[in-house]
Amino acid sequence: MKKLFAAIGAVLSVVYIINPTAGLLEIIPDNIPGIGNLDEAAVTGILIACLRVLGLDVLRLFGKKEKNDNTDVVDID
C-alpha cells in the first residue's frame, strides 16, 4: 500500500513540475518575489521522497563515492 501511495505521489509531482507556469495547478504564482518557486521546490522534495520509497535513491547519485581502503595499500617486500 505504501508503494502505491508513493507511485501516485510521484506521478502527481511530475505532473505538477512539468505544468507550465500560470497553469491550472499553480499553488503559489511564480511572479511573487522570493517565494514564487517554493511550491516547485517542495514538490521536487516530495518526488525525491516518493522515488526513494519506490527503490530509486536519486540522492545517492550526488553523494560521495565509497573509497576502498584495500586499493591504496602498497605492500613492498
N, C-alpha and C. Protein backbone atom coordinates (compact mmCIF):
# COMPACT_ATOMS: atom_id res chain seq x y z
N MET A 1 0.82 -1.19 0.00
CA MET A 1 0.00 0.00 0.00
C MET A 1 0.87 1.26 0.00
N LYS A 2 2.01 1.17 0.72
CA LYS A 2 2.92 2.31 0.80
C LYS A 2 3.49 2.65 -0.58
N LYS A 3 3.82 1.60 -1.34
CA LYS A 3 4.38 1.84 -2.68
C LYS A 3 3.32 2.39 -3.64
N LEU A 4 2.08 2.03 -3.43
CA LEU A 4 1.00 2.56 -4.27
C LEU A 4 0.86 4.06 -4.05
N PHE A 5 0.85 4.50 -2.78
CA PHE A 5 0.77 5.93 -2.49
C PHE A 5 2.00 6.67 -2.98
N ALA A 6 3.17 6.03 -2.90
CA ALA A 6 4.40 6.65 -3.40
C ALA A 6 4.34 6.81 -4.92
N ALA A 7 3.81 5.82 -5.61
CA ALA A 7 3.70 5.90 -7.07
C ALA A 7 2.72 7.00 -7.48
N ILE A 8 1.60 7.09 -6.78
CA ILE A 8 0.63 8.14 -7.08
C ILE A 8 1.23 9.51 -6.79
N GLY A 9 1.95 9.63 -5.67
CA GLY A 9 2.61 10.89 -5.33
C GLY A 9 3.67 11.28 -6.35
N ALA A 10 4.42 10.30 -6.85
CA ALA A 10 5.44 10.58 -7.85
C ALA A 10 4.81 11.07 -9.15
N VAL A 11 3.74 10.42 -9.57
CA VAL A 11 3.07 10.83 -10.82
C VAL A 11 2.49 12.23 -10.68
N LEU A 12 1.83 12.51 -9.56
CA LEU A 12 1.27 13.85 -9.35
C LEU A 12 2.37 14.91 -9.25
N SER A 13 3.49 14.56 -8.66
CA SER A 13 4.60 15.50 -8.56
C SER A 13 5.17 15.83 -9.93
N VAL A 14 5.33 14.82 -10.76
CA VAL A 14 5.85 15.05 -12.11
C VAL A 14 4.88 15.91 -12.91
N VAL A 15 3.60 15.63 -12.78
CA VAL A 15 2.59 16.43 -13.49
C VAL A 15 2.66 17.88 -13.02
N TYR A 16 2.82 18.11 -11.73
CA TYR A 16 2.88 19.47 -11.21
C TYR A 16 4.15 20.18 -11.68
N ILE A 17 5.27 19.46 -11.70
CA ILE A 17 6.54 20.08 -12.09
C ILE A 17 6.55 20.45 -13.57
N ILE A 18 6.00 19.60 -14.43
CA ILE A 18 6.03 19.90 -15.87
C ILE A 18 4.88 20.80 -16.29
N ASN A 19 3.98 21.13 -15.35
CA ASN A 19 2.88 22.05 -15.64
C ASN A 19 3.46 23.42 -15.98
N PRO A 20 3.07 23.99 -17.09
CA PRO A 20 3.59 25.31 -17.45
C PRO A 20 3.23 26.36 -16.40
N THR A 21 4.07 27.39 -16.31
CA THR A 21 3.84 28.47 -15.37
C THR A 21 2.47 29.10 -15.63
N ALA A 22 1.82 29.49 -14.56
CA ALA A 22 0.47 30.07 -14.59
C ALA A 22 -0.54 29.08 -15.15
N GLY A 23 -0.30 27.81 -14.90
CA GLY A 23 -1.24 26.79 -15.33
C GLY A 23 -2.38 26.62 -14.36
N LEU A 24 -3.12 25.60 -14.52
CA LEU A 24 -4.28 25.36 -13.67
C LEU A 24 -3.90 24.88 -12.27
N LEU A 25 -2.73 24.30 -12.12
CA LEU A 25 -2.34 23.70 -10.85
C LEU A 25 -1.35 24.54 -10.04
N GLU A 26 -1.21 25.79 -10.33
CA GLU A 26 -0.22 26.63 -9.65
C GLU A 26 -0.71 26.98 -8.25
N ILE A 27 0.03 26.58 -7.22
CA ILE A 27 -0.34 26.87 -5.84
C ILE A 27 0.10 28.28 -5.46
N ILE A 28 1.38 28.58 -5.68
CA ILE A 28 1.92 29.92 -5.43
C ILE A 28 2.37 30.48 -6.78
N PRO A 29 1.83 31.59 -7.22
CA PRO A 29 2.25 32.15 -8.51
C PRO A 29 3.75 32.45 -8.54
N ASP A 30 4.40 32.14 -9.66
CA ASP A 30 5.85 32.30 -9.77
C ASP A 30 6.28 33.76 -9.81
N ASN A 31 5.39 34.69 -10.06
CA ASN A 31 5.79 36.08 -10.16
C ASN A 31 5.84 36.79 -8.80
N ILE A 32 5.58 36.08 -7.70
CA ILE A 32 5.72 36.65 -6.37
C ILE A 32 7.20 36.56 -5.99
N PRO A 33 7.88 37.70 -5.78
CA PRO A 33 9.32 37.67 -5.49
C PRO A 33 9.64 36.93 -4.19
N GLY A 34 10.67 36.13 -4.25
CA GLY A 34 11.15 35.44 -3.06
C GLY A 34 10.49 34.12 -2.77
N ILE A 35 9.20 34.01 -2.93
CA ILE A 35 8.52 32.76 -2.58
C ILE A 35 7.82 32.11 -3.77
N GLY A 36 7.99 32.67 -4.92
CA GLY A 36 7.26 32.19 -6.09
C GLY A 36 7.58 30.77 -6.49
N ASN A 37 8.79 30.32 -6.25
CA ASN A 37 9.17 28.98 -6.68
C ASN A 37 9.25 27.98 -5.53
N LEU A 38 8.78 28.36 -4.36
CA LEU A 38 8.84 27.44 -3.23
C LEU A 38 7.94 26.22 -3.42
N ASP A 39 6.83 26.39 -4.09
CA ASP A 39 5.95 25.24 -4.29
C ASP A 39 6.60 24.20 -5.21
N GLU A 40 7.31 24.66 -6.22
CA GLU A 40 8.03 23.71 -7.09
C GLU A 40 9.14 23.00 -6.33
N ALA A 41 9.83 23.72 -5.44
CA ALA A 41 10.89 23.10 -4.64
C ALA A 41 10.31 22.05 -3.70
N ALA A 42 9.17 22.34 -3.09
CA ALA A 42 8.53 21.38 -2.19
C ALA A 42 8.08 20.14 -2.95
N VAL A 43 7.52 20.34 -4.13
CA VAL A 43 7.06 19.20 -4.92
C VAL A 43 8.24 18.36 -5.40
N THR A 44 9.36 19.00 -5.68
CA THR A 44 10.57 18.25 -6.05
C THR A 44 11.04 17.38 -4.89
N GLY A 45 10.98 17.92 -3.68
CA GLY A 45 11.32 17.13 -2.50
C GLY A 45 10.39 15.95 -2.31
N ILE A 46 9.11 16.17 -2.55
CA ILE A 46 8.13 15.08 -2.46
C ILE A 46 8.42 14.01 -3.51
N LEU A 47 8.79 14.44 -4.72
CA LEU A 47 9.12 13.49 -5.78
C LEU A 47 10.34 12.65 -5.40
N ILE A 48 11.36 13.28 -4.85
CA ILE A 48 12.56 12.54 -4.44
C ILE A 48 12.22 11.53 -3.35
N ALA A 49 11.37 11.93 -2.40
CA ALA A 49 10.97 11.02 -1.33
C ALA A 49 10.16 9.84 -1.88
N CYS A 50 9.27 10.12 -2.81
CA CYS A 50 8.46 9.05 -3.41
C CYS A 50 9.33 8.07 -4.20
N LEU A 51 10.29 8.60 -4.93
CA LEU A 51 11.18 7.72 -5.70
C LEU A 51 12.03 6.85 -4.78
N ARG A 52 12.40 7.39 -3.62
CA ARG A 52 13.18 6.61 -2.67
C ARG A 52 12.36 5.45 -2.11
N VAL A 53 11.08 5.70 -1.83
CA VAL A 53 10.21 4.62 -1.35
C VAL A 53 10.06 3.55 -2.42
N LEU A 54 10.05 3.98 -3.68
CA LEU A 54 9.91 3.03 -4.78
C LEU A 54 11.21 2.30 -5.13
N GLY A 55 12.30 2.63 -4.41
CA GLY A 55 13.56 1.91 -4.60
C GLY A 55 14.58 2.62 -5.45
N LEU A 56 14.34 3.86 -5.82
CA LEU A 56 15.29 4.62 -6.63
C LEU A 56 15.78 5.81 -5.81
N ASP A 57 16.98 5.68 -5.25
CA ASP A 57 17.53 6.74 -4.40
C ASP A 57 18.37 7.67 -5.27
N VAL A 58 17.75 8.73 -5.77
CA VAL A 58 18.45 9.65 -6.67
C VAL A 58 19.47 10.51 -5.94
N LEU A 59 19.34 10.68 -4.64
CA LEU A 59 20.33 11.46 -3.89
C LEU A 59 21.67 10.74 -3.82
N ARG A 60 21.65 9.43 -3.94
CA ARG A 60 22.89 8.65 -3.93
C ARG A 60 23.76 8.99 -5.14
N LEU A 61 23.15 9.45 -6.21
CA LEU A 61 23.92 9.81 -7.41
C LEU A 61 24.82 11.02 -7.16
N PHE A 62 24.46 11.86 -6.19
CA PHE A 62 25.22 13.07 -5.92
C PHE A 62 26.09 12.95 -4.68
N GLY A 63 26.09 11.82 -4.01
CA GLY A 63 26.84 11.63 -2.78
C GLY A 63 28.28 11.25 -3.06
N LYS A 64 29.02 11.14 -1.97
CA LYS A 64 30.43 10.73 -2.07
C LYS A 64 30.51 9.26 -2.44
N LYS A 65 31.50 8.95 -3.20
CA LYS A 65 31.75 7.56 -3.54
C LYS A 65 32.55 6.93 -2.42
N GLU A 66 32.21 5.69 -2.10
CA GLU A 66 32.92 5.00 -1.04
C GLU A 66 34.32 4.63 -1.52
N LYS A 67 35.27 4.88 -0.66
CA LYS A 67 36.66 4.60 -1.01
C LYS A 67 37.02 3.21 -0.50
N ASN A 68 37.58 2.41 -1.37
CA ASN A 68 38.01 1.08 -0.99
C ASN A 68 39.42 1.19 -0.44
N ASP A 69 39.58 0.93 0.87
CA ASP A 69 40.88 1.11 1.53
C ASP A 69 41.92 0.11 1.05
N ASN A 70 41.52 -1.01 0.51
CA ASN A 70 42.48 -2.03 0.09
C ASN A 70 43.25 -1.63 -1.17
N THR A 71 42.73 -0.75 -1.97
CA THR A 71 43.40 -0.39 -3.21
C THR A 71 44.53 0.61 -2.99
N ASP A 72 44.52 1.32 -1.86
CA ASP A 72 45.54 2.33 -1.61
C ASP A 72 46.77 1.76 -0.91
N VAL A 73 46.70 0.55 -0.40
CA VAL A 73 47.81 -0.03 0.33
C VAL A 73 48.74 -0.73 -0.65
N VAL A 74 49.99 -0.33 -0.59
CA VAL A 74 51.01 -0.97 -1.44
C VAL A 74 51.94 -1.74 -0.53
N ASP A 75 52.04 -3.03 -0.76
CA ASP A 75 52.89 -3.88 0.07
C ASP A 75 54.18 -4.14 -0.68
N ILE A 76 55.27 -3.56 -0.16
CA ILE A 76 56.57 -3.73 -0.80
C ILE A 76 57.43 -4.62 0.09
N ASP A 77 57.89 -5.76 -0.43
CA ASP A 77 58.75 -6.67 0.35
C ASP A 77 60.17 -6.59 -0.12
